[in-house]
Amino acid sequence: RRNRTPLTDDFARQFGFALVATEEYTNDVAFEIERFAAYLMTQSNVIAAVEEGGESIESVRRWLVSELHPWFAHDSEQFEFGGPIWFLQREG
């Protein structure tokens, strides 16, 4: 599971940095269904399932493509990605 705890100035200073600014970003990316499934297969939870032997990479790919169909009314769909950008400056 990803750590969604915001970066604080106090935490950054423990490593010799100062948090000087933050902002949010969004980025729209167009995917075809096979390309989006391939992207999702790079996620750590998918990799762990395959490496632990619970699933084959091909069965994961087939399942993803099957489950993604409701989100693909067209050959390509836009997906919005986003998150924080933390601007750090080395102290000293």
PDB file of N, CA and C in Angstrom:
ATOM      1  N   ARG A   1       0.840  -1.175   0.000  1.00  0.00           N
ATOM      2  CA  ARG A   1       0.000   0.000   0.000  1.00  0.00           C
ATOM      3  C   ARG A   1       0.887   1.240   0.000  1.00  0.00           C
ATOM      4  N   ARG A   2       0.493   2.213  -0.782  1.00  0.00           N
ATOM      5  CA  ARG A   2       1.276   3.443  -0.886  1.00  0.00           C
ATOM      6  C   ARG A   2       1.067   4.333   0.321  1.00  0.00           C
ATOM      7  N   ASN A   3       2.119   5.024   0.687  1.00  0.00           N
ATOM      8  CA  ASN A   3       2.070   5.979   1.780  1.00  0.00           C
ATOM      9  C   ASN A   3       1.605   7.319   1.218  1.00  0.00           C
ATOM     10  N   ARG A   4       0.426   7.753   1.610  1.00  0.00           N
ATOM     11  CA  ARG A   4      -0.141   9.011   1.110  1.00  0.00           C
ATOM     12  C   ARG A   4       0.072  10.161   2.110  1.00  0.00           C
ATOM     13  N   THR A   5       0.948   9.954   3.099  1.00  0.00           N
ATOM     14  CA  THR A   5       1.202  10.992   4.082  1.00  0.00           C
ATOM     15  C   THR A   5       1.899  12.169   3.402  1.00  0.00           C
ATOM     16  N   PRO A   6       1.368  13.380   3.558  1.00  0.00           N
ATOM     17  CA  PRO A   6       2.019  14.537   2.933  1.00  0.00           C
ATOM     18  C   PRO A   6       3.421  14.759   3.505  1.00  0.00           C
ATOM     19  N   LEU A   7       4.315  15.226   2.651  1.00  0.00           N
ATOM     20  CA  LEU A   7       5.667  15.559   3.080  1.00  0.00           C
ATOM     21  C   LEU A   7       5.611  16.852   3.881  1.00  0.00           C
ATOM     22  N   THR A   8       6.218  16.862   5.042  1.00  0.00           N
ATOM     23  CA  THR A   8       6.260  18.067   5.868  1.00  0.00           C
ATOM     24  C   THR A   8       7.667  18.649   5.875  1.00  0.00           C
ATOM     25  N   ASP A   9       7.747  19.933   6.219  1.00  0.00           N
ATOM     26  CA  ASP A   9       9.050  20.581   6.312  1.00  0.00           C
ATOM     27  C   ASP A   9       9.895  19.928   7.399  1.00  0.00           C
ATOM     28  N   ASP A  10       9.289  19.588   8.531  1.00  0.00           N
ATOM     29  CA  ASP A  10      10.036  18.931   9.617  1.00  0.00           C
ATOM     30  C   ASP A  10      10.651  17.610   9.145  1.00  0.00           C
ATOM     31  N   PHE A  11       9.899  16.832   8.390  1.00  0.00           N
ATOM     32  CA  PHE A  11      10.421  15.560   7.898  1.00  0.00           C
ATOM     33  C   PHE A  11      11.552  15.802   6.898  1.00  0.00           C
ATOM     34  N   ALA A  12      11.365  16.739   5.975  1.00  0.00           N
ATOM     35  CA  ALA A  12      12.393  17.029   4.973  1.00  0.00           C
ATOM     36  C   ALA A  12      13.687  17.490   5.639  1.00  0.00           C
ATOM     37  N   ARG A  13      13.583  18.280   6.695  1.00  0.00           N
ATOM     38  CA  ARG A  13      14.771  18.802   7.381  1.00  0.00           C
ATOM     39  C   ARG A  13      15.583  17.682   8.046  1.00  0.00           C
ATOM     40  N   GLN A  14      14.947  16.586   8.386  1.00  0.00           N
ATOM     41  CA  GLN A  14      15.687  15.455   8.960  1.00  0.00           C
ATOM     42  C   GLN A  14      16.714  14.909   7.967  1.00  0.00           C
ATOM     43  N   PHE A  15      16.527  15.195   6.685  1.00  0.00           N
ATOM     44  CA  PHE A  15      17.403  14.686   5.630  1.00  0.00           C
ATOM     45  C   PHE A  15      18.193  15.795   4.937  1.00  0.00           C
ATOM     46  N   GLY A  16      18.204  16.979   5.557  1.00  0.00           N
ATOM     47  CA  GLY A  16      18.999  18.078   5.029  1.00  0.00           C
ATOM     48  C   GLY A  16      18.329  18.901   3.944  1.00  0.00           C
ATOM     49  N   PHE A  17      16.997  18.860   3.890  1.00  0.00           N
ATOM     50  CA  PHE A  17      16.263  19.633   2.892  1.00  0.00           C
ATOM     51  C   PHE A  17      15.232  20.521   3.575  1.00  0.00           C
ATOM     52  N   ALA A  18      14.842  21.576   2.888  1.00  0.00           N
ATOM     53  CA  ALA A  18      13.729  22.420   3.325  1.00  0.00           C
ATOM     54  C   ALA A  18      12.624  22.296   2.271  1.00  0.00           C
ATOM     55  N   LEU A  19      11.411  22.186   2.738  1.00  0.00           N
ATOM     56  CA  LEU A  19      10.252  22.163   1.842  1.00  0.00           C
ATOM     57  C   LEU A  19       9.913  23.614   1.525  1.00  0.00           C
ATOM     58  N   VAL A  20      10.138  24.031   0.282  1.00  0.00           N
ATOM     59  CA  VAL A  20       9.971  25.445  -0.061  1.00  0.00           C
ATOM     60  C   VAL A  20       8.634  25.744  -0.737  1.00  0.00           C
ATOM     61  N   ALA A  21       7.993  24.749  -1.327  1.00  0.00           N
ATOM     62  CA  ALA A  21       6.692  24.978  -1.970  1.00  0.00           C
ATOM     63  C   ALA A  21       6.048  23.635  -2.279  1.00  0.00           C
ATOM     64  N   THR A  22       4.735  23.668  -2.448  1.00  0.00           N
ATOM     65  CA  THR A  22       3.991  22.492  -2.884  1.00  0.00           C
ATOM     66  C   THR A  22       2.953  22.936  -3.907  1.00  0.00           C
ATOM     67  N   GLU A  23       2.596  22.034  -4.770  1.00  0.00           N
ATOM     68  CA  GLU A  23       1.477  22.273  -5.680  1.00  0.00           C
ATOM     69  C   GLU A  23       0.930  20.929  -6.135  1.00  0.00           C
ATOM     70  N   GLU A  24      -0.266  20.948  -6.660  1.00  0.00           N
ATOM     71  CA  GLU A  24      -0.910  19.748  -7.186  1.00  0.00           C
ATOM     72  C   GLU A  24      -0.811  19.761  -8.703  1.00  0.00           C
ATOM     73  N   TYR A  25      -0.721  18.596  -9.287  1.00  0.00           N
ATOM     74  CA  TYR A  25      -0.712  18.504 -10.739  1.00  0.00           C
ATOM     75  C   TYR A  25      -1.753  17.503 -11.194  1.00  0.00           C
ATOM     76  N   THR A  26      -2.210  17.674 -12.418  1.00  0.00           N
ATOM     77  CA  THR A  26      -3.014  16.664 -13.094  1.00  0.00           C
ATOM     78  C   THR A  26      -2.455  16.505 -14.498  1.00  0.00           C
ATOM     79  N   ASN A  27      -2.587  15.319 -15.008  1.00  0.00           N
ATOM     80  CA  ASN A  27      -2.064  15.001 -16.335  1.00  0.00           C
ATOM     81  C   ASN A  27      -3.020  14.005 -16.980  1.00  0.00           C
ATOM     82  N   ASP A  28      -3.611  14.392 -18.104  1.00  0.00           N
ATOM     83  CA  ASP A  28      -4.497  13.492 -18.844  1.00  0.00           C
ATOM     84  C   ASP A  28      -3.669  12.666 -19.819  1.00  0.00           C
ATOM     85  N   VAL A  29      -3.875  11.355 -19.794  1.00  0.00           N
ATOM     86  CA  VAL A  29      -3.133  10.447 -20.659  1.00  0.00           C
ATOM     87  C   VAL A  29      -4.138   9.576 -21.406  1.00  0.00           C
ATOM     88  N   ALA A  30      -3.958   9.493 -22.723  1.00  0.00           N
ATOM     89  CA  ALA A  30      -4.819   8.638 -23.556  1.00  0.00           C
ATOM     90  C   ALA A  30      -4.224   7.235 -23.605  1.00  0.00           C
ATOM     91  N   PHE A  31      -5.080   6.241 -23.420  1.00  0.00           N
ATOM     92  CA  PHE A  31      -4.673   4.843 -23.470  1.00  0.00           C
ATOM     93  C   PHE A  31      -5.627   4.050 -24.344  1.00  0.00           C
ATOM     94  N   GLU A  32      -5.084   3.104 -25.103  1.00  0.00           N
ATOM     95  CA  GLU A  32      -5.889   2.042 -25.676  1.00  0.00           C
ATOM     96  C   GLU A  32      -5.979   0.970 -24.590  1.00  0.00           C
ATOM     97  N   ILE A  33      -6.971   0.092 -24.670  1.00  0.00           N
ATOM     98  CA  ILE A  33      -7.213  -0.860 -23.589  1.00  0.00           C
ATOM     99  C   ILE A  33      -6.000  -1.762 -23.311  1.00  0.00           C
ATOM    100  N   GLU A  34      -5.351  -2.257 -24.349  1.00  0.00           N
ATOM    101  CA  GLU A  34      -4.187  -3.132 -24.139  1.00  0.00           C
ATOM    102  C   GLU A  34      -3.032  -2.374 -23.497  1.00  0.00           C
ATOM    103  N   ARG A  35      -2.837  -1.133 -23.902  1.00  0.00           N
ATOM    104  CA  ARG A  35      -1.756  -0.324 -23.330  1.00  0.00           C
ATOM    105  C   ARG A  35      -2.051   0.005 -21.865  1.00  0.00           C
ATOM    106  N   PHE A  36      -3.319   0.290 -21.549  1.00  0.00           N
ATOM    107  CA  PHE A  36      -3.663   0.582 -20.159  1.00  0.00           C
ATOM    108  C   PHE A  36      -3.485  -0.659 -19.289  1.00  0.00           C
ATOM    109  N   ALA A  37      -3.870  -1.817 -19.802  1.00  0.00           N
ATOM    110  CA  ALA A  37      -3.651  -3.062 -19.056  1.00  0.00           C
ATOM    111  C   ALA A  37      -2.157  -3.281 -18.827  1.00  0.00           C
ATOM    112  N   ALA A  38      -1.343  -3.020 -19.843  1.00  0.00           N
ATOM    113  CA  ALA A  38       0.110  -3.171 -19.696  1.00  0.00           C
ATOM    114  C   ALA A  38       0.649  -2.216 -18.639  1.00  0.00           C
ATOM    115  N   TYR A  39       0.137  -0.990 -18.622  1.00  0.00           N
ATOM    116  CA  TYR A  39       0.542  -0.026 -17.589  1.00  0.00           C
ATOM    117  C   TYR A  39       0.170  -0.546 -16.202  1.00  0.00           C
ATOM    118  N   LEU A  40      -1.046  -1.014 -16.038  1.00  0.00           N
ATOM    119  CA  LEU A  40      -1.479  -1.513 -14.731  1.00  0.00           C
ATOM    120  C   LEU A  40      -0.661  -2.717 -14.283  1.00  0.00           C
ATOM    121  N   MET A  41      -0.141  -3.473 -15.226  1.00  0.00           N
ATOM    122  CA  MET A  41       0.664  -4.650 -14.874  1.00  0.00           C
ATOM    123  C   MET A  41       2.024  -4.268 -14.296  1.00  0.00           C
ATOM    124  N   THR A  42       2.396  -2.987 -14.373  1.00  0.00           N
ATOM    125  CA  THR A  42       3.652  -2.533 -13.771  1.00  0.00           C
ATOM    126  C   THR A  42       3.480  -2.182 -12.295  1.00  0.00           C
ATOM    127  N   GLN A  43       2.257  -2.225 -11.795  1.00  0.00           N
ATOM    128  CA  GLN A  43       1.993  -1.876 -10.398  1.00  0.00           C
ATOM    129  C   GLN A  43       2.537  -2.955  -9.467  1.00  0.00           C
ATOM    130  N   SER A  44       3.025  -2.535  -8.320  1.00  0.00           N
ATOM    131  CA  SER A  44       3.710  -3.451  -7.404  1.00  0.00           C
ATOM    132  C   SER A  44       2.815  -4.596  -6.926  1.00  0.00           C
ATOM    133  N   ASN A  45       1.519  -4.350  -6.746  1.00  0.00           N
ATOM    134  CA  ASN A  45       0.651  -5.439  -6.280  1.00  0.00           C
ATOM    135  C   ASN A  45       0.486  -6.522  -7.344  1.00  0.00           C
ATOM    136  N   VAL A  46       0.479  -6.141  -8.615  1.00  0.00           N
ATOM    137  CA  VAL A  46       0.394  -7.129  -9.691  1.00  0.00           C
ATOM    138  C   VAL A  46       1.695  -7.915  -9.782  1.00  0.00           C
ATOM    139  N   ILE A  47       2.802  -7.206  -9.739  1.00  0.00           N
ATOM    140  CA  ILE A  47       4.110  -7.856  -9.797  1.00  0.00           C
ATOM    141  C   ILE A  47       4.261  -8.851  -8.650  1.00  0.00           C
ATOM    142  N   ALA A  48       3.844  -8.451  -7.451  1.00  0.00           N
ATOM    143  CA  ALA A  48       3.945  -9.346  -6.285  1.00  0.00           C
ATOM    144  C   ALA A  48       3.096 -10.597  -6.483  1.00  0.00           C
ATOM    145  N   ALA A  49       1.883 -10.457  -7.000  1.00  0.00           N
ATOM    146  CA  ALA A  49       1.012 -11.623  -7.216  1.00  0.00           C
ATOM    147  C   ALA A  49       1.637 -12.602  -8.198  1.00  0.00           C
ATOM    148  N   VAL A  50       2.266 -12.079  -9.245  1.00  0.00           N
ATOM    149  CA  VAL A  50       2.891 -12.947 -10.245  1.00  0.00           C
ATOM    150  C   VAL A  50       4.148 -13.594  -9.659  1.00  0.00           C
ATOM    151  N   GLU A  51       4.974 -12.810  -8.977  1.00  0.00           N
ATOM    152  CA  GLU A  51       6.214 -13.344  -8.414  1.00  0.00           C
ATOM    153  C   GLU A  51       5.964 -14.380  -7.325  1.00  0.00           C
ATOM    154  N   GLU A  52       4.866 -14.239  -6.597  1.00  0.00           N
ATOM    155  CA  GLU A  52       4.536 -15.203  -5.542  1.00  0.00           C
ATOM    156  C   GLU A  52       3.914 -16.468  -6.122  1.00  0.00           C
ATOM    157  N   GLY A  53       3.692 -16.483  -7.420  1.00  0.00           N
ATOM    158  CA  GLY A  53       3.171 -17.673  -8.085  1.00  0.00           C
ATOM    159  C   GLY A  53       1.670 -17.827  -8.032  1.00  0.00           C
ATOM    160  N   GLY A  54       0.973 -16.825  -7.525  1.00  0.00           N
ATOM    161  CA  GLY A  54      -0.477 -16.920  -7.446  1.00  0.00           C
ATOM    162  C   GLY A  54      -1.166 -16.745  -8.777  1.00  0.00           C
ATOM    163  N   GLU A  55      -0.530 -16.013  -9.676  1.00  0.00           N
ATOM    164  CA  GLU A  55      -1.125 -15.726 -10.983  1.00  0.00           C
ATOM    165  C   GLU A  55      -0.030 -15.746 -12.041  1.00  0.00           C
ATOM    166  N   SER A  56      -0.408 -16.105 -13.256  1.00  0.00           N
ATOM    167  CA  SER A  56       0.533 -15.981 -14.373  1.00  0.00           C
ATOM    168  C   SER A  56       0.359 -14.581 -14.956  1.00  0.00           C
ATOM    169  N   ILE A  57       1.398 -14.083 -15.580  1.00  0.00           N
ATOM    170  CA  ILE A  57       1.323 -12.761 -16.176  1.00  0.00           C
ATOM    171  C   ILE A  57       0.255 -12.703 -17.262  1.00  0.00           C
ATOM    172  N   GLU A  58       0.096 -13.768 -18.004  1.00  0.00           N
ATOM    173  CA  GLU A  58      -0.915 -13.794 -19.068  1.00  0.00           C
ATOM    174  C   GLU A  58      -2.328 -13.812 -18.490  1.00  0.00           C
ATOM    175  N   SER A  59      -2.549 -14.546 -17.392  1.00  0.00           N
ATOM    176  CA  SER A  59      -3.889 -14.557 -16.795  1.00  0.00           C
ATOM    177  C   SER A  59      -4.233 -13.184 -16.219  1.00  0.00           C
ATOM    178  N   VAL A  60      -3.255 -12.489 -15.666  1.00  0.00           N
ATOM    179  CA  VAL A  60      -3.484 -11.133 -15.159  1.00  0.00           C
ATOM    180  C   VAL A  60      -3.840 -10.198 -16.315  1.00  0.00           C
ATOM    181  N   ARG A  61      -3.099 -10.291 -17.420  1.00  0.00           N
ATOM    182  CA  ARG A  61      -3.374  -9.446 -18.573  1.00  0.00           C
ATOM    183  C   ARG A  61      -4.783  -9.689 -19.112  1.00  0.00           C
ATOM    184  N   ARG A  62      -5.170 -10.947 -19.256  1.00  0.00           N
ATOM    185  CA  ARG A  62      -6.520 -11.274 -19.757  1.00  0.00           C
ATOM    186  C   ARG A  62      -7.593 -10.734 -18.813  1.00  0.00           C
ATOM    187  N   TRP A  63      -7.395 -10.916 -17.516  1.00  0.00           N
ATOM    188  CA  TRP A  63      -8.373 -10.438 -16.537  1.00  0.00           C
ATOM    189  C   TRP A  63      -8.493  -8.922 -16.592  1.00  0.00           C
ATOM    190  N   LEU A  64      -7.363  -8.229 -16.660  1.00  0.00           N
ATOM    191  CA  LEU A  64      -7.406  -6.766 -16.720  1.00  0.00           C
ATOM    192  C   LEU A  64      -8.155  -6.281 -17.954  1.00  0.00           C
ATOM    193  N   VAL A  65      -7.829  -6.831 -19.113  1.00  0.00           N
ATOM    194  CA  VAL A  65      -8.501  -6.409 -20.343  1.00  0.00           C
ATOM    195  C   VAL A  65     -10.003  -6.646 -20.227  1.00  0.00           C
ATOM    196  N   SER A  66     -10.387  -7.778 -19.690  1.00  0.00           N
ATOM    197  CA  SER A  66     -11.805  -8.095 -19.518  1.00  0.00           C
ATOM    198  C   SER A  66     -12.488  -7.096 -18.579  1.00  0.00           C
ATOM    199  N   GLU A  67     -11.853  -6.795 -17.462  1.00  0.00           N
ATOM    200  CA  GLU A  67     -12.448  -5.900 -16.462  1.00  0.00           C
ATOM    201  C   GLU A  67     -12.431  -4.436 -16.894  1.00  0.00           C
ATOM    202  N   LEU A  68     -11.527  -4.064 -17.790  1.00  0.00           N
ATOM    203  CA  LEU A  68     -11.432  -2.675 -18.236  1.00  0.00           C
ATOM    204  C   LEU A  68     -12.450  -2.304 -19.302  1.00  0.00           C
ATOM    205  N   HIS A  69     -13.053  -3.276 -19.964  1.00  0.00           N
ATOM    206  CA  HIS A  69     -13.979  -2.984 -21.062  1.00  0.00           C
ATOM    207  C   HIS A  69     -15.056  -1.962 -20.712  1.00  0.00           C
ATOM    208  N   PRO A  70     -15.661  -1.955 -19.533  1.00  0.00           N
ATOM    209  CA  PRO A  70     -16.692  -0.941 -19.251  1.00  0.00           C
ATOM    210  C   PRO A  70     -16.187   0.505 -19.326  1.00  0.00           C
ATOM    211  N   TRP A  71     -14.886   0.731 -19.181  1.00  0.00           N
ATOM    212  CA  TRP A  71     -14.330   2.079 -19.208  1.00  0.00           C
ATOM    213  C   TRP A  71     -13.847   2.479 -20.602  1.00  0.00           C
ATOM    214  N   PHE A  72     -14.021   1.609 -21.569  1.00  0.00           N
ATOM    215  CA  PHE A  72     -13.546   1.887 -22.926  1.00  0.00           C
ATOM    216  C   PHE A  72     -14.707   1.839 -23.916  1.00  0.00           C
ATOM    217  N   ALA A  73     -15.396   2.968 -24.040  1.00  0.00           N
ATOM    218  CA  ALA A  73     -16.468   3.081 -25.023  1.00  0.00           C
ATOM    219  C   ALA A  73     -15.893   3.317 -26.415  1.00  0.00           C
ATOM    220  N   HIS A  74     -14.641   3.782 -26.473  1.00  0.00           N
ATOM    221  CA  HIS A  74     -13.964   4.073 -27.735  1.00  0.00           C
ATOM    222  C   HIS A  74     -12.637   3.308 -27.769  1.00  0.00           C
ATOM    223  N   ASP A  75     -11.959   3.385 -28.906  1.00  0.00           N
ATOM    224  CA  ASP A  75     -10.663   2.707 -29.029  1.00  0.00           C
ATOM    225  C   ASP A  75      -9.641   3.237 -28.034  1.00  0.00           C
ATOM    226  N   SER A  76      -9.758   4.517 -27.693  1.00  0.00           N
ATOM    227  CA  SER A  76      -8.828   5.157 -26.769  1.00  0.00           C
ATOM    228  C   SER A  76      -9.635   6.000 -25.784  1.00  0.00           C
ATOM    229  N   GLU A  77      -9.220   6.001 -24.541  1.00  0.00           N
ATOM    230  CA  GLU A  77      -9.892   6.803 -23.513  1.00  0.00           C
ATOM    231  C   GLU A  77      -8.851   7.614 -22.744  1.00  0.00           C
ATOM    232  N   GLN A  78      -9.297   8.739 -22.200  1.00  0.00           N
ATOM    233  CA  GLN A  78      -8.440   9.609 -21.400  1.00  0.00           C
ATOM    234  C   GLN A  78      -8.562   9.247 -19.924  1.00  0.00           C
ATOM    235  N   PHE A  79      -7.432   9.187 -19.245  1.00  0.00           N
ATOM    236  CA  PHE A  79      -7.404   8.961 -17.808  1.00  0.00           C
ATOM    237  C   PHE A  79      -6.616  10.076 -17.159  1.00  0.00           C
ATOM    238  N   GLU A  80      -7.127  10.566 -16.027  1.00  0.00           N
ATOM    239  CA  GLU A  80      -6.466  11.664 -15.337  1.00  0.00           C
ATOM    240  C   GLU A  80      -5.602  11.116 -14.213  1.00  0.00           C
ATOM    241  N   PHE A  81      -4.352  11.497 -14.225  1.00  0.00           N
ATOM    242  CA  PHE A  81      -3.415  11.181 -13.159  1.00  0.00           C
ATOM    243  C   PHE A  81      -3.106  12.476 -12.433  1.00  0.00           C
ATOM    244  N   GLY A  82      -2.756  12.381 -11.186  1.00  0.00           N
ATOM    245  CA  GLY A  82      -2.422  13.593 -10.458  1.00  0.00           C
ATOM    246  C   GLY A  82      -1.832  13.292  -9.098  1.00  0.00           C
ATOM    247  N   GLY A  83      -1.412  14.342  -8.460  1.00  0.00           N
ATOM    248  CA  GLY A  83      -0.841  14.202  -7.133  1.00  0.00           C
ATOM    249  C   GLY A  83      -0.061  15.440  -6.744  1.00  0.00           C
ATOM    250  N   PRO A  84       0.646  15.332  -5.644  1.00  0.00           N
ATOM    251  CA  PRO A  84       1.402  16.492  -5.172  1.00  0.00           C
ATOM    252  C   PRO A  84       2.788  16.574  -5.812  1.00  0.00           C
ATOM    253  N   ILE A  85       3.285  17.798  -5.910  1.00  0.00           N
ATOM    254  CA  ILE A  85       4.684  18.053  -6.234  1.00  0.00           C
ATOM    255  C   ILE A  85       5.264  18.791  -5.030  1.00  0.00           C
ATOM    256  N   TRP A  86       6.333  18.268  -4.494  1.00  0.00           N
ATOM    257  CA  TRP A  86       6.997  18.895  -3.353  1.00  0.00           C
ATOM    258  C   TRP A  86       8.333  19.449  -3.823  1.00  0.00           C
ATOM    259  N   PHE A  87       8.543  20.735  -3.659  1.00  0.00           N
ATOM    260  CA  PHE A  87       9.777  21.391  -4.058  1.00  0.00           C
ATOM    261  C   PHE A  87      10.700  21.478  -2.844  1.00  0.00           C
ATOM    262  N   LEU A  88      11.847  20.840  -2.953  1.00  0.00           N
ATOM    263  CA  LEU A  88      12.802  20.776  -1.846  1.00  0.00           C
ATOM    264  C   LEU A  88      14.062  21.533  -2.211  1.00  0.00           C
ATOM    265  N   GLN A  89      14.695  22.098  -1.203  1.00  0.00           N
ATOM    266  CA  GLN A  89      15.978  22.773  -1.393  1.00  0.00           C
ATOM    267  C   GLN A  89      16.948  22.242  -0.343  1.00  0.00           C
ATOM    268  N   ARG A  90      18.145  21.889  -0.790  1.00  0.00           N
ATOM    269  CA  ARG A  90      19.161  21.393   0.144  1.00  0.00           C
ATOM    270  C   ARG A  90      19.543  22.524   1.089  1.00  0.00           C
ATOM    271  N   GLU A  91      19.587  22.210   2.366  1.00  0.00           N
ATOM    272  CA  GLU A  91      19.970  23.198   3.359  1.00  0.00           C
ATOM    273  C   GLU A  91      21.478  23.327   3.422  1.00  0.00           C
ATOM    274  N   GLY A  92      21.916  24.516   3.842  1.00  0.00           N
ATOM    275  CA  GLY A  92      23.345  24.723   4.099  1.00  0.00           C
ATOM    276  C   GLY A  92      24.058  25.072   2.905  1.00  0.00           C
TER     277      GLY A  92
END
